[in-house]
C-alpha atoms as a PDB file:
ATOM      1  CA  MET A   1       4.448  -0.554   5.522  1.00  0.00           C
ATOM      2  CA  ARG A   2       4.804   3.116   6.354  1.00  0.00           C
ATOM      3  CA  SER A   3       6.562   4.501   3.268  1.00  0.00           C
ATOM      4  CA  LEU A   4       6.276   3.306  -0.333  1.00  0.00           C
ATOM      5  CA  LEU A   5       8.570   5.132  -2.766  1.00  0.00           C
ATOM      6  CA  PHE A   6       7.874   5.260  -6.499  1.00  0.00           C
ATOM      7  CA  VAL A   7      10.939   4.590  -8.666  1.00  0.00           C
ATOM      8  CA  PRO A   8      10.964   4.658 -12.498  1.00  0.00           C
ATOM      9  CA  GLY A   9      11.204   1.116 -13.816  1.00  0.00           C
ATOM     10  CA  ASP A  10      13.485   2.083 -16.695  1.00  0.00           C
ATOM     11  CA  SER A  11      16.326   3.302 -14.449  1.00  0.00           C
ATOM     12  CA  GLU A  12      18.386   0.664 -12.674  1.00  0.00           C
ATOM     13  CA  ARG A  13      20.568   3.432 -11.250  1.00  0.00           C
ATOM     14  CA  LYS A  14      17.620   5.060  -9.479  1.00  0.00           C
ATOM     15  CA  MET A  15      16.368   1.714  -8.191  1.00  0.00           C
ATOM     16  CA  ARG A  16      19.781   0.817  -6.770  1.00  0.00           C
ATOM     17  CA  LYS A  17      20.055   4.228  -5.129  1.00  0.00           C
ATOM     18  CA  ALA A  18      16.555   3.944  -3.640  1.00  0.00           C
ATOM     19  CA  ILE A  19      17.340   0.665  -1.879  1.00  0.00           C
ATOM     20  CA  ASP A  20      19.177   2.528   0.882  1.00  0.00           C
ATOM     21  CA  CYS A  21      16.805   5.494   1.306  1.00  0.00           C
ATOM     22  CA  GLY A  22      14.947   3.976   4.266  1.00  0.00           C
ATOM     23  CA  ALA A  23      11.625   3.300   2.530  1.00  0.00           C
ATOM     24  CA  ASP A  24       9.668   0.284   3.699  1.00  0.00           C
ATOM     25  CA  ALA A  25       8.810  -0.521   0.081  1.00  0.00           C
ATOM     26  CA  LEU A  26       9.849   0.493  -3.410  1.00  0.00           C
ATOM     27  CA  ILE A  27       7.203   0.716  -6.131  1.00  0.00           C
ATOM     28  CA  LEU A  28       9.049  -0.143  -9.340  1.00  0.00           C
ATOM     29  CA  ASP A  29       6.939   1.668 -11.889  1.00  0.00           C
ATOM     30  CA  LEU A  30       6.127   0.329 -15.345  1.00  0.00           C
ATOM     31  CA  GLU A  31       3.222   2.735 -15.862  1.00  0.00           C
ATOM     32  CA  ASP A  32       3.249   6.541 -15.781  1.00  0.00           C
ATOM     33  CA  SER A  33       6.980   7.120 -15.362  1.00  0.00           C
ATOM     34  CA  VAL A  34       7.926   4.995 -18.386  1.00  0.00           C
ATOM     35  CA  ALA A  35       7.449   6.205 -21.963  1.00  0.00           C
ATOM     36  CA  GLN A  36       5.572   3.912 -24.337  1.00  0.00           C
ATOM     37  CA  SER A  37       8.724   3.352 -26.372  1.00  0.00           C
ATOM     38  CA  ARG A  38      10.594   2.079 -23.295  1.00  0.00           C
ATOM     39  CA  LYS A  39       7.978  -0.277 -21.821  1.00  0.00           C
ATOM     40  CA  ALA A  40       9.637  -3.483 -23.046  1.00  0.00           C
ATOM     41  CA  GLU A  41      13.071  -2.366 -21.865  1.00  0.00           C
ATOM     42  CA  ALA A  42      11.679  -1.318 -18.472  1.00  0.00           C
ATOM     43  CA  ARG A  43      10.142  -4.761 -17.944  1.00  0.00           C
ATOM     44  CA  GLN A  44      13.512  -6.398 -18.393  1.00  0.00           C
ATOM     45  CA  ILE A  45      15.267  -3.867 -16.157  1.00  0.00           C
ATOM     46  CA  VAL A  46      12.733  -4.416 -13.375  1.00  0.00           C
ATOM     47  CA  ALA A  47      12.874  -8.208 -13.731  1.00  0.00           C
ATOM     48  CA  SER A  48      16.676  -8.141 -13.549  1.00  0.00           C
ATOM     49  CA  PHE A  49      16.579  -5.847 -10.521  1.00  0.00           C
ATOM     50  CA  LEU A  50      14.168  -8.194  -8.728  1.00  0.00           C
ATOM     51  CA  GLN A  51      16.319 -11.221  -9.505  1.00  0.00           C
ATOM     52  CA  ASN A  52      19.594  -9.629  -8.463  1.00  0.00           C
ATOM     53  CA  THR A  53      18.543  -7.747  -5.332  1.00  0.00           C
ATOM     54  CA  GLU A  54      19.090  -9.393  -1.966  1.00  0.00           C
ATOM     55  CA  ARG A  55      15.868  -9.943  -0.034  1.00  0.00           C
ATOM     56  CA  SER A  56      15.876  -9.806   3.748  1.00  0.00           C
ATOM     57  CA  ALA A  57      13.633  -8.749   6.617  1.00  0.00           C
ATOM     58  CA  GLN A  58      15.486  -5.423   6.721  1.00  0.00           C
ATOM     59  CA  ALA A  59      15.362  -4.735   2.980  1.00  0.00           C
ATOM     60  CA  PRO A  60      12.467  -2.803   1.440  1.00  0.00           C
ATOM     61  CA  ARG A  61       9.659  -4.800  -0.095  1.00  0.00           C
ATOM     62  CA  LEU A  62       9.645  -4.676  -3.872  1.00  0.00           C
ATOM     63  CA  ILE A  63       6.302  -3.887  -5.517  1.00  0.00           C
ATOM     64  CA  VAL A  64       5.771  -3.511  -9.258  1.00  0.00           C
ATOM     65  CA  ARG A  65       3.161  -1.126 -10.649  1.00  0.00           C
ATOM     66  CA  VAL A  66       2.000  -2.676 -13.908  1.00  0.00           C
ATOM     67  CA  ASN A  67       0.031  -0.976 -16.642  1.00  0.00           C
ATOM     68  CA  ALA A  68      -3.759  -0.894 -16.311  1.00  0.00           C
ATOM     69  CA  LEU A  69      -5.828  -3.802 -17.542  1.00  0.00           C
ATOM     70  CA  ASP A  70      -7.401  -1.797 -20.376  1.00  0.00           C
ATOM     71  CA  THR A  71      -4.022  -0.935 -21.950  1.00  0.00           C
ATOM     72  CA  GLY A  72      -3.293  -4.409 -23.305  1.00  0.00           C
ATOM     73  CA  LEU A  73       0.137  -4.251 -21.622  1.00  0.00           C
ATOM     74  CA  THR A  74      -0.620  -5.961 -18.322  1.00  0.00           C
ATOM     75  CA  GLY A  75      -0.044  -9.496 -19.576  1.00  0.00           C
ATOM     76  CA  ASP A  76       3.444  -8.721 -20.876  1.00  0.00           C
ATOM     77  CA  ASP A  77       4.255  -6.877 -17.643  1.00  0.00           C
ATOM     78  CA  LEU A  78       3.250  -9.862 -15.517  1.00  0.00           C
ATOM     79  CA  THR A  79       5.044 -12.407 -17.696  1.00  0.00           C
ATOM     80  CA  ALA A  80       8.258 -10.415 -17.334  1.00  0.00           C
ATOM     81  CA  VAL A  81       8.184  -9.660 -13.610  1.00  0.00           C
ATOM     82  CA  VAL A  82       6.212 -12.352 -11.752  1.00  0.00           C
ATOM     83  CA  ARG A  83       8.889 -14.955 -12.484  1.00  0.00           C
ATOM     84  CA  ALA A  84      11.311 -12.687 -10.613  1.00  0.00           C
ATOM     85  CA  SER A  85       9.103 -12.893  -7.504  1.00  0.00           C
ATOM     86  CA  PRO A  86       8.045  -9.347  -6.577  1.00  0.00           C
ATOM     87  CA  ASP A  87       6.427  -8.971  -3.180  1.00  0.00           C
ATOM     88  CA  ALA A  88       3.313  -7.475  -4.749  1.00  0.00           C
ATOM     89  CA  ILE A  89       1.774  -6.125  -7.927  1.00  0.00           C
ATOM     90  CA  LEU A  90       0.193  -2.655  -7.799  1.00  0.00           C
ATOM     91  CA  LEU A  91      -2.756  -2.407 -10.182  1.00  0.00           C
ATOM     92  CA  PRO A  92      -3.567   1.137 -11.357  1.00  0.00           C
ATOM     93  CA  LYS A  93      -7.061   2.272 -12.371  1.00  0.00           C
ATOM     94  CA  ALA A  94      -8.749  -0.702 -10.715  1.00  0.00           C
ATOM     95  CA  SER A  95     -12.410  -0.310 -11.623  1.00  0.00           C
ATOM     96  CA  SER A  96     -13.982  -2.950  -9.373  1.00  0.00           C
ATOM     97  CA  GLY A  97     -13.428  -6.169  -7.478  1.00  0.00           C
ATOM     98  CA  ALA A  98     -13.723  -7.974 -10.808  1.00  0.00           C
ATOM     99  CA  ASP A  99     -10.395  -6.419 -11.826  1.00  0.00           C
ATOM    100  CA  ILE A 100      -8.828  -7.873  -8.677  1.00  0.00           C
ATOM    101  CA  GLN A 101     -10.163 -11.316  -9.599  1.00  0.00           C
ATOM    102  CA  ASP A 102      -8.811 -10.876 -13.127  1.00  0.00           C
ATOM    103  CA  LEU A 103      -5.370  -9.893 -11.869  1.00  0.00           C
ATOM    104  CA  ASP A 104      -5.369 -12.745  -9.330  1.00  0.00           C
ATOM    105  CA  ALA A 105      -6.007 -15.268 -12.109  1.00  0.00           C
ATOM    106  CA  ARG A 106      -3.277 -13.784 -14.300  1.00  0.00           C
ATOM    107  CA  ILE A 107      -0.741 -13.862 -11.456  1.00  0.00           C
ATOM    108  CA  SER A 108      -1.701 -17.465 -10.660  1.00  0.00           C
ATOM    109  CA  VAL A 109      -0.915 -18.492 -14.236  1.00  0.00           C
ATOM    110  CA  GLU A 110       2.492 -16.794 -14.113  1.00  0.00           C
ATOM    111  CA  GLU A 111       3.313 -18.256 -10.688  1.00  0.00           C
ATOM    112  CA  ALA A 112       2.518 -21.741 -11.931  1.00  0.00           C
ATOM    113  CA  ALA A 113       4.594 -21.238 -15.093  1.00  0.00           C
ATOM    114  CA  SER A 114       7.534 -20.023 -13.005  1.00  0.00           C
ATOM    115  CA  GLY A 115       7.315 -22.680 -10.293  1.00  0.00           C
ATOM    116  CA  LEU A 116       6.511 -20.161  -7.567  1.00  0.00           C
ATOM    117  CA  PRO A 117       4.298 -21.078  -4.599  1.00  0.00           C
ATOM    118  CA  ALA A 118       0.656 -20.281  -5.304  1.00  0.00           C
ATOM    119  CA  GLY A 119      -0.435 -17.022  -3.691  1.00  0.00           C
ATOM    120  CA  GLN A 120       3.080 -15.750  -3.006  1.00  0.00           C
ATOM    121  CA  VAL A 121       2.698 -12.496  -4.959  1.00  0.00           C
ATOM    122  CA  LEU A 122       0.273 -10.094  -3.285  1.00  0.00           C
ATOM    123  CA  ILE A 123      -1.942  -7.410  -4.833  1.00  0.00           C
ATOM    124  CA  HIS A 124      -2.198  -3.694  -4.088  1.00  0.00           C
ATOM    125  CA  ALA A 125      -4.779  -1.646  -5.973  1.00  0.00           C
ATOM    126  CA  LEU A 126      -5.243   2.013  -6.887  1.00  0.00           C
ATOM    127  CA  MET A 127      -9.037   2.197  -6.654  1.00  0.00           C
ATOM    128  CA  THR A 128      -9.995   5.866  -7.132  1.00  0.00           C
ATOM    129  CA  GLU A 129      -8.311   6.841 -10.377  1.00  0.00           C
ATOM    130  CA  THR A 130     -11.603   6.554 -12.246  1.00  0.00           C
ATOM    131  CA  ALA A 131     -15.201   7.415 -11.387  1.00  0.00           C
ATOM    132  CA  THR A 132     -16.067   3.744 -11.958  1.00  0.00           C
ATOM    133  CA  GLY A 133     -13.568   2.620  -9.345  1.00  0.00           C
ATOM    134  CA  MET A 134     -14.889   5.080  -6.789  1.00  0.00           C
ATOM    135  CA  LEU A 135     -18.497   4.058  -7.306  1.00  0.00           C
ATOM    136  CA  ALA A 136     -17.546   0.378  -6.955  1.00  0.00           C
ATOM    137  CA  ALA A 137     -15.573   0.822  -3.720  1.00  0.00           C
ATOM    138  CA  ALA A 138     -17.500  -1.828  -1.779  1.00  0.00           C
ATOM    139  CA  SER A 139     -16.844  -4.455  -4.459  1.00  0.00           C
ATOM    140  CA  PHE A 140     -13.144  -4.774  -3.625  1.00  0.00           C
ATOM    141  CA  SER A 141     -13.856  -6.896  -0.539  1.00  0.00           C
ATOM    142  CA  ASN A 142     -13.581 -10.708  -0.592  1.00  0.00           C
ATOM    143  CA  LYS A 143     -12.410 -10.968  -4.188  1.00  0.00           C
ATOM    144  CA  SER A 144      -8.878 -12.273  -3.616  1.00  0.00           C
ATOM    145  CA  VAL A 145      -6.808 -13.381  -0.640  1.00  0.00           C
ATOM    146  CA  ARG A 146      -3.870 -11.741  -2.395  1.00  0.00           C
ATOM    147  CA  LEU A 147      -5.290  -8.246  -1.848  1.00  0.00           C
ATOM    148  CA  SER A 148      -3.302  -6.627   0.953  1.00  0.00           C
ATOM    149  CA  ALA A 149      -3.644  -2.866   0.383  1.00  0.00           C
ATOM    150  CA  LEU A 150      -5.831  -0.247  -1.274  1.00  0.00           C
ATOM    151  CA  THR A 151      -4.655   3.223  -2.158  1.00  0.00           C
ATOM    152  CA  TRP A 152      -5.948   6.251  -3.999  1.00  0.00           C
ATOM    153  CA  GLY A 153      -4.812   8.798  -6.540  1.00  0.00           C
ATOM    154  CA  ALA A 154      -5.995  12.249  -7.521  1.00  0.00           C
ATOM    155  CA  GLU A 155      -4.292  13.091 -10.818  1.00  0.00           C
ATOM    156  CA  ASP A 156      -5.886  10.452 -13.037  1.00  0.00           C
ATOM    157  CA  LEU A 157      -9.276  10.965 -11.384  1.00  0.00           C
ATOM    158  CA  ALA A 158      -9.167  14.671 -12.280  1.00  0.00           C
ATOM    159  CA  ALA A 159      -8.616  13.741 -15.904  1.00  0.00           C
ATOM    160  CA  ASP A 160     -11.368  11.125 -15.831  1.00  0.00           C
ATOM    161  CA  ILE A 161     -14.058  13.469 -14.506  1.00  0.00           C
ATOM    162  CA  GLY A 162     -12.869  16.593 -16.349  1.00  0.00           C
ATOM    163  CA  ALA A 163     -11.751  18.575 -13.282  1.00  0.00           C
ATOM    164  CA  SER A 164      -9.319  21.404 -13.962  1.00  0.00           C
ATOM    165  CA  SER A 165      -7.684  20.862 -10.563  1.00  0.00           C
ATOM    166  CA  ASN A 166      -7.989  18.524  -7.595  1.00  0.00           C
ATOM    167  CA  LYS A 167      -7.352  21.284  -5.046  1.00  0.00           C
ATOM    168  CA  ASN A 168      -8.939  24.627  -4.219  1.00  0.00           C
ATOM    169  CA  ASP A 169      -7.253  28.001  -3.819  1.00  0.00           C
ATOM    170  CA  ASN A 170      -6.287  27.146  -0.238  1.00  0.00           C
ATOM    171  CA  GLY A 171      -4.410  24.031  -1.340  1.00  0.00           C
ATOM    172  CA  SER A 172      -6.985  21.614   0.098  1.00  0.00           C
ATOM    173  CA  TYR A 173      -8.544  18.787  -1.890  1.00  0.00           C
ATOM    174  CA  THR A 174     -11.976  19.623  -3.292  1.00  0.00           C
ATOM    175  CA  ASP A 175     -14.990  17.548  -2.306  1.00  0.00           C
ATOM    176  CA  VAL A 176     -14.736  14.867  -4.986  1.00  0.00           C
ATOM    177  CA  PHE A 177     -11.140  14.102  -4.059  1.00  0.00           C
ATOM    178  CA  ARG A 178     -11.851  14.178  -0.338  1.00  0.00           C
ATOM    179  CA  LEU A 179     -14.547  11.612  -1.096  1.00  0.00           C
ATOM    180  CA  ALA A 180     -12.005   9.467  -2.966  1.00  0.00           C
ATOM    181  CA  ARG A 181      -9.725   9.579   0.079  1.00  0.00           C
ATOM    182  CA  SER A 182     -12.563   8.657   2.444  1.00  0.00           C
ATOM    183  CA  LEU A 183     -13.795   5.825   0.240  1.00  0.00           C
ATOM    184  CA  THR A 184     -10.307   4.337   0.224  1.00  0.00           C
ATOM    185  CA  ILE A 185     -10.219   4.220   4.020  1.00  0.00           C
ATOM    186  CA  LEU A 186     -13.702   2.693   4.171  1.00  0.00           C
ATOM    187  CA  ALA A 187     -13.088   0.186   1.377  1.00  0.00           C
ATOM    188  CA  ALA A 188      -9.822  -0.944   2.955  1.00  0.00           C
ATOM    189  CA  ALA A 189     -11.487  -1.426   6.329  1.00  0.00           C
ATOM    190  CA  ASN A 190     -14.338  -3.306   4.636  1.00  0.00           C
ATOM    191  CA  ALA A 191     -11.847  -5.566   2.861  1.00  0.00           C
ATOM    192  CA  GLY A 192      -9.631  -5.990   5.932  1.00  0.00           C
ATOM    193  CA  VAL A 193      -6.517  -4.634   4.195  1.00  0.00           C
ATOM    194  CA  ASP A 194      -4.169  -1.679   4.655  1.00  0.00           C
ATOM    195  CA  ALA A 195      -5.187   1.796   3.496  1.00  0.00           C
ATOM    196  CA  ILE A 196      -2.265   3.652   1.906  1.00  0.00           C
ATOM    197  CA  ASP A 197      -2.439   7.422   1.425  1.00  0.00           C
ATOM    198  CA  THR A 198      -1.633   9.022  -1.909  1.00  0.00           C
ATOM    199  CA  VAL A 199       1.511  10.967  -2.795  1.00  0.00           C
ATOM    200  CA  PHE A 200       2.239  14.541  -1.734  1.00  0.00           C
ATOM    201  CA  THR A 201       3.377  16.074  -4.992  1.00  0.00           C
ATOM    202  CA  ASP A 202       5.339  19.127  -3.752  1.00  0.00           C
ATOM    203  CA  PHE A 203       8.484  17.283  -2.650  1.00  0.00           C
ATOM    204  CA  ARG A 204      10.101  20.535  -1.493  1.00  0.00           C
ATOM    205  CA  ASP A 205       7.331  21.341   1.014  1.00  0.00           C
ATOM    206  CA  MET A 206       8.307  19.196   3.981  1.00  0.00           C
ATOM    207  CA  GLY A 207       6.016  21.030   6.379  1.00  0.00           C
ATOM    208  CA  GLY A 208       3.027  20.374   4.152  1.00  0.00           C
ATOM    209  CA  LEU A 209       4.028  16.719   3.824  1.00  0.00           C
ATOM    210  CA  ASP A 210       4.304  16.308   7.585  1.00  0.00           C
ATOM    211  CA  ALA A 211       0.876  17.858   8.137  1.00  0.00           C
ATOM    212  CA  GLU A 212      -0.690  15.599   5.487  1.00  0.00           C
ATOM    213  CA  CYS A 213       0.993  12.531   7.002  1.00  0.00           C
ATOM    214  CA  ARG A 214      -0.326  13.297  10.466  1.00  0.00           C
ATOM    215  CA  ALA A 215      -3.827  13.801   9.113  1.00  0.00           C
ATOM    216  CA  ALA A 216      -3.529  10.443   7.363  1.00  0.00           C
ATOM    217  CA  VAL A 217      -2.444   8.707  10.582  1.00  0.00           C
ATOM    218  CA  ARG A 218      -5.332  10.342  12.444  1.00  0.00           C
ATOM    219  CA  ASP A 219      -7.871   9.162   9.892  1.00  0.00           C
ATOM    220  CA  GLY A 220      -6.740   5.538   9.692  1.00  0.00           C
ATOM    221  CA  PHE A 221      -4.183   5.222   6.901  1.00  0.00           C
ATOM    222  CA  SER A 222      -1.325   2.841   7.681  1.00  0.00           C
ATOM    223  CA  GLY A 223       1.219   4.318   5.264  1.00  0.00           C
ATOM    224  CA  LYS A 224       1.833   6.802   2.472  1.00  0.00           C
ATOM    225  CA  MET A 225       3.325   6.718  -1.002  1.00  0.00           C
ATOM    226  CA  ALA A 226       6.257   8.986  -1.874  1.00  0.00           C
ATOM    227  CA  ILE A 227       7.692  10.406  -5.082  1.00  0.00           C
ATOM    228  CA  HIS A 228      11.082  11.537  -3.759  1.00  0.00           C
ATOM    229  CA  PRO A 229      13.594   9.898  -1.367  1.00  0.00           C
ATOM    230  CA  ASP A 230      13.690  13.055   0.782  1.00  0.00           C
ATOM    231  CA  GLN A 231      10.052  12.442   1.727  1.00  0.00           C
ATOM    232  CA  VAL A 232      10.717   9.006   3.230  1.00  0.00           C
ATOM    233  CA  SER A 233      12.071  10.013   6.645  1.00  0.00           C
ATOM    234  CA  ILE A 234       9.133  12.347   7.318  1.00  0.00           C
ATOM    235  CA  ILE A 235       6.616   9.667   6.334  1.00  0.00           C
ATOM    236  CA  ASN A 236       8.346   7.051   8.479  1.00  0.00           C
ATOM    237  CA  ALA A 237       8.413   9.364  11.495  1.00  0.00           C
ATOM    238  CA  ALA A 238       4.717  10.216  11.198  1.00  0.00           C
ATOM    239  CA  PHE A 239       3.568   6.616  10.757  1.00  0.00           C
ATOM    240  CA  THR A 240       5.755   5.152  13.505  1.00  0.00           C
ATOM    241  CA  PRO A 241       3.571   4.959  16.632  1.00  0.00           C
ATOM    242  CA  PRO A 242       4.892   6.407  19.915  1.00  0.00           C
ATOM    243  CA  SER A 243       6.545   3.888  22.231  1.00  0.00           C
ATOM    244  CA  GLU A 244       3.810   4.253  24.852  1.00  0.00           C
ATOM    245  CA  ASP A 245       1.171   3.384  22.252  1.00  0.00           C
ATOM    246  CA  VAL A 246       3.152   0.310  21.225  1.00  0.00           C
ATOM    247  CA  GLU A 247       3.550  -0.798  24.829  1.00  0.00           C
ATOM    248  CA  ARG A 248      -0.180  -0.475  25.464  1.00  0.00           C
ATOM    249  CA  ALA A 249      -0.989  -2.326  22.236  1.00  0.00           C
ATOM    250  CA  VAL A 250       1.269  -5.223  23.203  1.00  0.00           C
ATOM    251  CA  ARG A 251      -0.393  -5.439  26.626  1.00  0.00           C
ATOM    252  CA  ILE A 252      -3.854  -5.504  25.036  1.00  0.00           C
ATOM    253  CA  LEU A 253      -2.797  -8.212  22.592  1.00  0.00           C
ATOM    254  CA  ALA A 254      -1.293 -10.273  25.410  1.00  0.00           C
ATOM    255  CA  LEU A 255      -4.463  -9.979  27.508  1.00  0.00           C
ATOM    256  CA  PHE A 256      -6.705 -11.146  24.675  1.00  0.00           C
ATOM    257  CA  SER A 257      -4.302 -13.939  23.780  1.00  0.00           C
ATOM    258  CA  ALA A 258      -4.314 -15.209  27.379  1.00  0.00           C
ATOM    259  CA  ALA A 259      -8.109 -14.942  27.592  1.00  0.00           C
ATOM    260  CA  GLY A 260      -8.636 -17.140  24.535  1.00  0.00           C
ATOM    261  CA  PRO A 261     -10.804 -16.839  21.410  1.00  0.00           C
ATOM    262  CA  ASP A 262     -14.058 -16.377  23.341  1.00  0.00           C
ATOM    263  CA  ALA A 263     -12.810 -13.319  25.229  1.00  0.00           C
ATOM    264  CA  GLY A 264     -15.297 -10.457  25.346  1.00  0.00           C
ATOM    265  CA  VAL A 265     -14.794  -7.526  27.696  1.00  0.00           C
ATOM    266  CA  LEU A 266     -11.508  -7.366  29.621  1.00  0.00           C
ATOM    267  CA  SER A 267      -9.908  -4.862  31.980  1.00  0.00           C
ATOM    268  CA  LEU A 268      -6.636  -2.966  31.574  1.00  0.00           C
ATOM    269  CA  ASP A 269      -5.451  -0.433  34.152  1.00  0.00           C
ATOM    270  CA  GLY A 270      -8.944  -0.312  35.600  1.00  0.00           C
ATOM    271  CA  LYS A 271     -10.591   0.452  32.245  1.00  0.00           C
ATOM    272  CA  MET A 272     -12.786  -1.751  30.096  1.00  0.00           C
ATOM    273  CA  ILE A 273     -11.411  -2.955  26.756  1.00  0.00           C
ATOM    274  CA  ASP A 274     -13.181  -5.015  24.103  1.00  0.00           C
ATOM    275  CA  LYS A 275     -12.781  -6.189  20.508  1.00  0.00           C
ATOM    276  CA  PRO A 276     -12.496  -2.695  18.930  1.00  0.00           C
ATOM    277  CA  HIS A 277      -9.540  -2.061  21.256  1.00  0.00           C
ATOM    278  CA  LEU A 278      -8.040  -5.367  20.101  1.00  0.00           C
ATOM    279  CA  ARG A 279      -8.337  -4.420  16.424  1.00  0.00           C
ATOM    280  CA  GLN A 280      -6.738  -1.036  17.071  1.00  0.00           C
ATOM    281  CA  ALA A 281      -3.921  -2.707  19.036  1.00  0.00           C
ATOM    282  CA  GLU A 282      -3.276  -4.997  16.069  1.00  0.00           C
ATOM    283  CA  ARG A 283      -3.002  -1.977  13.785  1.00  0.00           C
ATOM    284  CA  VAL A 284      -0.541  -0.226  16.108  1.00  0.00           C
ATOM    285  CA  ALA A 285       1.567  -3.377  16.418  1.00  0.00           C
ATOM    286  CA  ARG A 286       1.785  -3.802  12.644  1.00  0.00           C
ATOM    287  CA  ARG A 287       2.741  -0.137  12.170  1.00  0.00           C
ATOM    288  CA  ALA A 288       5.508  -0.684  14.724  1.00  0.00           C
ATOM    289  CA  GLY A 289       6.812  -3.642  12.738  1.00  0.00           C
ATOM    290  CA  LEU A 290       5.552  -6.258  15.181  1.00  0.00           C
ATOM    291  CA  ASP A 291       3.640  -9.423  14.407  1.00  0.00           C
ATOM    292  CA  PRO A 292       0.396  -9.338  16.435  1.00  0.00           C
ATOM    293  CA  ASP A 293       0.441 -13.145  16.514  1.00  0.00           C
ATOM    294  CA  ALA A 294       3.987 -13.365  17.913  1.00  0.00           C
ATOM    295  CA  LEU A 295       3.840 -11.595  21.250  1.00  0.00           C
ATOM    296  CA  PRO A 296       6.636 -11.154  23.770  1.00  0.00           C
ATOM    297  CA  ASP A 297       6.248 -12.987  27.046  1.00  0.00           C
ATOM    298  CA  LEU A 298       4.812 -10.462  29.524  1.00  0.00           C
ATOM    299  CA  SER A 299       4.427 -12.875  32.441  1.00  0.00           C
END
């Protein structure tokens, strides 16, 4: 997924409008964008939207951001929305891998109660919104097969550590927040899941968004969250690999597939390639919307 657009969970109109904006995923938000007095209503709106929205390979994936585990609201969120079969649950303020295990168990209960296949609903986690989450970055690995993406946030972390701002006078993230970004990339690689970059809050600054997207691609992120539909096209363009990179990735994948599981060092265009090249080719293929395990016939 290249672009993941936040949409308030208490507005069916905004969710319906967002379906056609070109985002690869919609994050239907039950947390920050919904007032406490509207939480119950938002759950029902999101559940209805999930149940009544056509799902297809071309449609955006539908992810629900629930309220954090320490709010006491997560259980009611999951009971309302899991039965409607979201593609994933986004957990905010994840403090450690133990929170992922906790959420996995809760989703399993709701899947069973709703007659859904076990493991169908995936997990995404916001892992840097607290100092505890940052310091436990390595613990997110191998806690749940549902975990498919890790992402980071700067606003809640600033509040947690008492920072007056997350950026300096030049508009760049200060060291603590640069560390949060780096830990997300490393933790995602360690866990074998996608790293998703945080939002760019100035939705009118398209040049700044493009620059941040390209830095994210360079550093290893596979996608970026958005707060406004106008940001989606820029994010998609930045995270879509060039055609020549896709062609090379497909050739590398085909070579390793033909060589079998014991393949070590191979040759492509007179240059040596090995397993790191294979892993990078898999990443490029996924960003291009291809299944690395379903290759075209290049013979």
